Amino acid sequence: MTITASMVAELRGKTDAPMMECKKALTEAAGDMAKAEEILRVKLGNKAGKAASRITAEGVVTAFVDGNTAGMIEINCETDFVTKNDSFLGLCNAAAKAVATANPADVAALGATAFSLDGFGPTLEDVRKGLIGKIGENMSFRRFKRFASGSKVTTYLHGTRIGVAVEFDGDETAARDVAMHIAAMKPVSLSSADVPAELIEKERAVAAGKAEEARKELEAAGKPAQTADIVAKRIEGSVQKYLKEVSLLDQVFVKAADGKQTVAAYLKSANTTLKSFTLYVVGEGIEKKVDDFAAEVAAQVAAAKAA
């Protein structure tokens, strides 16, 4: 019997299994949809479908550089254990290379790029779903960025959890040193002019709140309050201090021999210009699930009694 694409798509929709696995199951079942579904459930335990809703807050950041073109990606999984799995790492490295070489527009386009691993394929998405079934843990392509502006590019990976890519003109050693600095100090932007307005306003509100608390303390102590001009200057001073702390070029370089040299001064001494940087930290912004073991056991006991 001929196994059609629509049959494969239908089975894939029911099981969330990789495309090639669906085709193999349909072939083995001679086109019997119910039997093919049973074959997949025996083989994969329907792990992909069950895992798809679980939180992926662990993972890997990796990168691929080819001349002045590079790709950096964060791929998430559920536990740190999987980040040491060779198959998972193979998927991550292939995805980073695809970002650089295939220039995908989004995660869906990335998933559609050609790749095969461990018998799964023919796309990255098929391999991802296949490994979910094989390993039994959810994993997802979270975010990526491609660098191809014409400037030089270098990357720094701190283990597998922090990745930095910088575009620059000048000395690569200096650029890589700054990439290491970024991984350690985690600046918000390249310069103070690039700090998002909402972050500045948030900091200004915090400074204003502190000023108000100070006013109340002086009032309670029967001391004269500071003038509005002084308060305004203190608030602005706090904001400027914040901008220097989170702006890369204004930060004190981590390797500064005198403990004072800024990143901007270091780059100037190396005749190097930093054009942009991208910093990925695994799981940043993802709310991790905290399991209450005692509550989980109690729930299981209650479920057993109800049965």
Protein backbone atom coordinates (compact mmCIF):
# COMPACT_ATOMS: atom_id res chain seq x y z
CA MET A 1 0.00 0.00 0.00
CA THR A 2 1.23 3.51 -0.80
CA ILE A 3 1.80 5.67 2.28
CA THR A 4 0.76 9.21 1.37
CA ALA A 5 1.92 12.49 2.88
CA SER A 6 -1.56 13.18 4.18
CA MET A 7 -1.56 9.86 6.05
CA VAL A 8 1.77 10.71 7.65
CA ALA A 9 0.49 14.17 8.58
CA GLU A 10 -2.65 12.71 10.14
CA LEU A 11 -0.68 10.24 12.27
CA ARG A 12 1.79 12.92 13.26
CA GLY A 13 -1.08 15.14 14.37
CA LYS A 14 -2.45 12.36 16.56
CA THR A 15 0.83 11.31 18.16
CA ASP A 16 3.22 14.27 17.82
CA ALA A 17 5.83 11.73 16.75
CA PRO A 18 8.56 12.57 14.18
CA MET A 19 7.54 12.42 10.52
CA MET A 20 9.87 9.55 9.57
CA GLU A 21 8.74 7.51 12.58
CA CYS A 22 5.13 8.02 11.49
CA LYS A 23 5.96 6.85 7.98
CA LYS A 24 7.78 3.75 9.29
CA ALA A 25 4.85 2.88 11.56
CA LEU A 26 2.33 3.28 8.74
CA THR A 27 4.45 1.10 6.47
CA GLU A 28 4.72 -1.56 9.17
CA ALA A 29 0.97 -1.36 9.76
CA ALA A 30 0.24 -1.54 6.00
CA GLY A 31 -1.57 1.79 6.19
CA ASP A 32 -3.80 0.90 9.15
CA MET A 33 -3.96 4.19 11.08
CA ALA A 34 -5.04 2.69 14.42
CA LYS A 35 -2.40 -0.02 14.27
CA ALA A 36 0.28 2.52 13.31
CA GLU A 37 -0.70 4.67 16.28
CA GLU A 38 -0.38 1.64 18.55
CA ILE A 39 3.06 0.85 17.10
CA LEU A 40 4.24 4.38 17.87
CA ARG A 41 2.90 4.31 21.40
CA VAL A 42 4.72 1.05 22.03
CA LYS A 43 7.92 2.42 20.52
CA LEU A 44 7.90 5.96 21.94
CA GLY A 45 5.41 5.72 24.75
CA ASN A 46 3.78 8.86 23.29
CA LYS A 47 6.51 10.76 25.13
CA ALA A 48 6.65 13.67 22.73
CA GLY A 49 3.01 14.56 23.20
CA LYS A 50 3.13 14.24 26.97
CA ALA A 51 6.36 16.18 27.29
CA ALA A 52 5.29 19.10 25.12
CA SER A 53 3.57 20.96 27.96
CA ARG A 54 6.40 20.68 30.47
CA ILE A 55 8.56 23.67 31.35
CA THR A 56 12.01 23.85 29.76
CA ALA A 57 14.13 26.15 31.92
CA GLU A 58 17.46 24.35 31.61
CA GLY A 59 19.41 24.03 28.39
CA VAL A 60 22.39 25.06 26.32
CA VAL A 61 23.66 28.18 24.58
CA THR A 62 25.97 27.42 21.69
CA ALA A 63 27.38 29.21 18.66
CA PHE A 64 28.82 28.65 15.19
CA VAL A 65 31.23 31.06 13.49
CA ASP A 66 32.28 31.01 9.85
CA GLY A 67 34.37 34.04 9.01
CA ASN A 68 32.25 37.17 9.47
CA THR A 69 29.03 35.15 9.75
CA ALA A 70 27.86 33.52 12.96
CA GLY A 71 24.83 32.10 14.70
CA MET A 72 24.06 31.81 18.41
CA ILE A 73 21.12 29.90 19.84
CA GLU A 74 19.53 28.89 23.13
CA ILE A 75 17.91 25.46 23.20
CA ASN A 76 16.04 24.51 26.34
CA CYS A 77 15.28 21.23 28.09
CA GLU A 78 13.80 20.26 31.45
CA THR A 79 16.82 19.10 33.44
CA ASP A 80 20.55 19.76 33.53
CA PHE A 81 21.12 16.03 33.00
CA VAL A 82 20.01 16.25 29.36
CA THR A 83 22.46 19.08 28.63
CA LYS A 84 25.23 16.48 28.85
CA ASN A 85 23.56 14.10 26.41
CA ASP A 86 25.57 13.71 23.18
CA SER A 87 22.47 13.55 20.98
CA PHE A 88 21.02 16.71 22.51
CA LEU A 89 24.34 18.50 22.08
CA GLY A 90 24.48 17.31 18.48
CA LEU A 91 21.07 18.89 17.88
CA CYS A 92 22.22 22.15 19.53
CA ASN A 93 25.41 22.41 17.46
CA ALA A 94 23.53 21.63 14.24
CA ALA A 95 20.93 24.28 15.04
CA ALA A 96 23.62 26.93 15.66
CA LYS A 97 25.22 26.10 12.31
CA ALA A 98 21.83 26.26 10.58
CA VAL A 99 21.20 29.73 12.04
CA ALA A 100 24.44 30.97 10.47
CA THR A 101 24.28 29.16 7.15
CA ALA A 102 20.55 28.90 6.37
CA ASN A 103 19.49 32.32 7.73
CA PRO A 104 16.08 31.16 9.03
CA ALA A 105 13.48 33.87 9.58
CA ASP A 106 12.08 32.36 12.77
CA VAL A 107 11.98 29.21 14.92
CA ALA A 108 9.58 27.48 12.51
CA ALA A 109 11.94 28.11 9.60
CA LEU A 110 14.87 26.89 11.67
CA GLY A 111 13.02 23.68 12.44
CA ALA A 112 12.44 23.11 8.73
CA THR A 113 16.15 23.06 7.85
CA ALA A 114 17.64 19.72 6.81
CA PHE A 115 19.26 17.56 9.50
CA SER A 116 19.25 13.90 10.55
CA LEU A 117 20.49 12.32 13.78
CA ASP A 118 20.01 8.99 15.55
CA GLY A 119 17.68 7.81 12.81
CA PHE A 120 15.45 10.88 13.11
CA GLY A 121 14.98 13.46 10.38
CA PRO A 122 14.95 14.82 7.76
CA THR A 123 14.66 18.20 9.55
CA LEU A 124 15.83 19.74 12.81
CA GLU A 125 12.23 19.75 14.04
CA ASP A 126 11.89 16.03 13.32
CA VAL A 127 15.11 15.35 15.22
CA ARG A 128 13.90 17.49 18.12
CA LYS A 129 10.64 15.56 18.38
CA GLY A 130 12.45 12.27 17.91
CA LEU A 131 14.83 13.02 20.77
CA ILE A 132 11.90 14.02 23.00
CA GLY A 133 10.48 10.56 22.41
CA LYS A 134 13.84 8.85 22.86
CA ILE A 135 14.99 10.76 25.96
CA GLY A 136 11.55 11.38 27.44
CA GLU A 137 12.10 15.05 28.18
CA ASN A 138 10.75 18.17 26.50
CA MET A 139 13.17 20.39 24.59
CA SER A 140 12.63 23.50 22.50
CA PHE A 141 14.37 26.02 20.26
CA ARG A 142 13.91 29.20 22.29
CA ARG A 143 15.76 32.06 20.59
CA PHE A 144 18.59 32.68 18.18
CA LYS A 145 20.43 35.46 16.40
CA ARG A 146 22.43 35.57 13.19
CA PHE A 147 25.38 37.92 12.70
CA ALA A 148 26.27 38.94 9.14
CA SER A 149 26.71 42.71 9.14
CA GLY A 150 30.10 42.62 7.46
CA SER A 151 31.97 43.40 10.69
CA LYS A 152 34.12 40.79 12.37
CA VAL A 153 32.38 38.56 14.88
CA THR A 154 33.63 36.47 17.77
CA THR A 155 31.87 34.50 20.49
CA TYR A 156 32.53 33.45 24.05
CA LEU A 157 30.76 30.54 25.72
CA HIS A 158 30.99 30.24 29.49
CA GLY A 159 30.33 26.53 29.81
CA THR A 160 26.99 25.84 28.17
CA ARG A 161 24.85 28.28 30.17
CA ILE A 162 26.11 31.70 29.03
CA GLY A 163 26.86 32.80 25.47
CA VAL A 164 28.11 36.12 24.15
CA ALA A 165 28.57 37.24 20.56
CA VAL A 166 30.19 40.55 19.64
CA GLU A 167 30.51 42.35 16.33
CA PHE A 168 33.64 44.49 16.09
CA ASP A 169 36.36 46.09 14.02
CA GLY A 170 39.95 45.71 15.17
CA ASP A 171 41.71 43.17 17.36
CA GLU A 172 39.96 39.84 17.98
CA THR A 173 41.77 39.16 21.25
CA ALA A 174 40.51 42.46 22.65
CA ALA A 175 36.98 41.75 21.38
CA ARG A 176 37.00 38.30 22.97
CA ASP A 177 38.26 39.75 26.26
CA VAL A 178 35.28 42.11 26.23
CA ALA A 179 32.96 39.20 25.41
CA MET A 180 34.26 37.47 28.56
CA HIS A 181 33.63 40.70 30.48
CA ILE A 182 30.05 40.78 29.19
CA ALA A 183 29.48 37.21 30.38
CA ALA A 184 30.70 38.17 33.85
CA MET A 185 29.14 41.62 34.25
CA LYS A 186 25.99 41.24 32.13
CA PRO A 187 25.55 44.82 30.87
CA VAL A 188 22.14 45.89 29.61
CA SER A 189 23.38 47.88 26.62
CA LEU A 190 26.46 49.01 24.71
CA SER A 191 26.25 52.63 25.91
CA SER A 192 24.10 54.65 28.30
CA ALA A 193 22.23 56.11 25.32
CA ASP A 194 21.04 52.59 24.44
CA VAL A 195 19.55 51.70 27.82
CA PRO A 196 15.79 51.14 27.36
CA ALA A 197 13.68 54.07 28.55
CA GLU A 198 11.48 51.84 30.70
CA LEU A 199 14.50 50.66 32.71
CA ILE A 200 15.64 54.26 33.26
CA GLU A 201 12.17 55.30 34.43
CA LYS A 202 12.02 52.32 36.76
CA GLU A 203 15.36 53.33 38.29
CA ARG A 204 14.19 56.95 38.58
CA ALA A 205 11.06 55.80 40.40
CA VAL A 206 13.15 53.76 42.83
CA ALA A 207 15.41 56.75 43.50
CA ALA A 208 12.37 58.97 44.03
CA GLY A 209 10.95 56.45 46.48
CA LYS A 210 14.19 56.46 48.47
CA ALA A 211 14.19 60.25 48.51
CA GLU A 212 10.65 60.26 49.89
CA GLU A 213 11.62 57.83 52.64
CA ALA A 214 14.57 60.05 53.54
CA ARG A 215 12.21 63.08 53.70
CA LYS A 216 9.91 61.24 56.10
CA GLU A 217 12.81 60.28 58.35
CA LEU A 218 13.99 63.90 58.52
CA GLU A 219 10.45 65.07 59.24
CA ALA A 220 10.03 62.50 62.01
CA ALA A 221 13.31 63.63 63.53
CA GLY A 222 12.21 67.27 63.41
CA LYS A 223 14.96 68.19 60.95
CA PRO A 224 14.49 70.45 57.93
CA ALA A 225 13.78 68.65 54.68
CA GLN A 226 16.07 68.99 51.67
CA THR A 227 15.05 71.46 49.01
CA ALA A 228 13.35 70.25 45.85
CA ASP A 229 16.46 71.09 43.82
CA ILE A 230 18.69 68.95 46.02
CA VAL A 231 16.23 66.06 45.90
CA ALA A 232 16.05 66.30 42.11
CA LYS A 233 19.86 66.28 41.87
CA ARG A 234 20.09 63.22 44.13
CA ILE A 235 17.55 61.36 42.03
CA GLU A 236 19.36 62.25 38.81
CA GLY A 237 22.67 61.23 40.41
CA SER A 238 21.23 57.81 41.21
CA VAL A 239 20.04 57.42 37.63
CA GLN A 240 23.46 58.37 36.21
CA LYS A 241 25.15 55.90 38.55
CA TYR A 242 22.79 53.19 37.36
CA LEU A 243 23.52 53.99 33.70
CA LYS A 244 27.27 53.60 34.27
CA GLU A 245 26.71 50.29 36.04
CA VAL A 246 24.66 48.73 33.22
CA SER A 247 26.30 50.31 30.14
CA LEU A 248 29.13 48.16 28.77
CA LEU A 249 31.44 50.96 27.64
CA ASP A 250 31.15 52.71 31.03
CA GLN A 251 31.79 49.61 33.14
CA VAL A 252 35.21 49.04 34.73
CA PHE A 253 36.92 46.35 32.67
CA VAL A 254 37.21 43.09 34.66
CA LYS A 255 40.87 42.69 33.62
CA ALA A 256 41.81 46.31 34.36
CA ALA A 257 45.25 46.29 35.98
CA ASP A 258 44.52 49.52 37.86
CA GLY A 259 40.96 48.57 38.76
CA LYS A 260 39.75 51.75 37.09
CA GLN A 261 40.10 51.36 33.30
CA THR A 262 36.72 51.28 31.58
CA VAL A 263 35.80 48.96 28.75
CA ALA A 264 35.75 51.96 26.41
CA ALA A 265 39.30 52.88 27.41
CA TYR A 266 40.51 49.29 27.00
CA LEU A 267 39.03 49.03 23.52
CA LYS A 268 40.57 52.35 22.54
CA SER A 269 43.99 51.17 23.74
CA ALA A 270 43.58 48.10 21.54
CA ASN A 271 42.42 50.18 18.56
CA THR A 272 39.18 48.19 18.51
CA THR A 273 35.58 49.31 18.05
CA LEU A 274 32.68 47.23 19.38
CA LYS A 275 29.62 47.51 17.14
CA SER A 276 27.14 45.37 19.08
CA PHE A 277 26.83 42.50 21.50
CA THR A 278 24.28 39.81 22.29
CA LEU A 279 24.13 38.02 25.63
CA TYR A 280 22.15 34.82 26.22
CA VAL A 281 21.78 33.25 29.67
CA VAL A 282 20.05 29.88 29.78
CA GLY A 283 16.53 30.07 31.19
CA GLU A 284 16.62 33.85 31.63
CA GLY A 285 13.04 35.05 32.05
CA ILE A 286 11.58 31.54 32.22
CA GLU A 287 9.65 30.80 35.38
CA LYS A 288 10.91 27.52 36.75
CA LYS A 289 8.52 25.09 38.34
CA VAL A 290 9.32 24.37 41.98
CA ASP A 291 8.03 20.96 42.91
CA ASP A 292 6.59 20.41 46.37
CA PHE A 293 7.62 16.79 46.92
CA ALA A 294 5.45 16.27 50.00
CA ALA A 295 2.38 17.66 48.22
CA GLU A 296 3.11 15.50 45.17
CA VAL A 297 3.29 12.32 47.31
CA ALA A 298 0.08 13.29 49.13
CA ALA A 299 -1.67 13.83 45.81
CA GLN A 300 -0.53 10.44 44.55
CA VAL A 301 -1.74 8.71 47.74
CA ALA A 302 -5.09 10.47 47.48
CA ALA A 303 -5.42 9.45 43.83
CA ALA A 304 -4.61 5.85 44.72
CA LYS A 305 -7.26 5.77 47.45
CA ALA A 306 -9.85 7.28 45.11
CA ALA A 307 -9.13 4.56 42.58
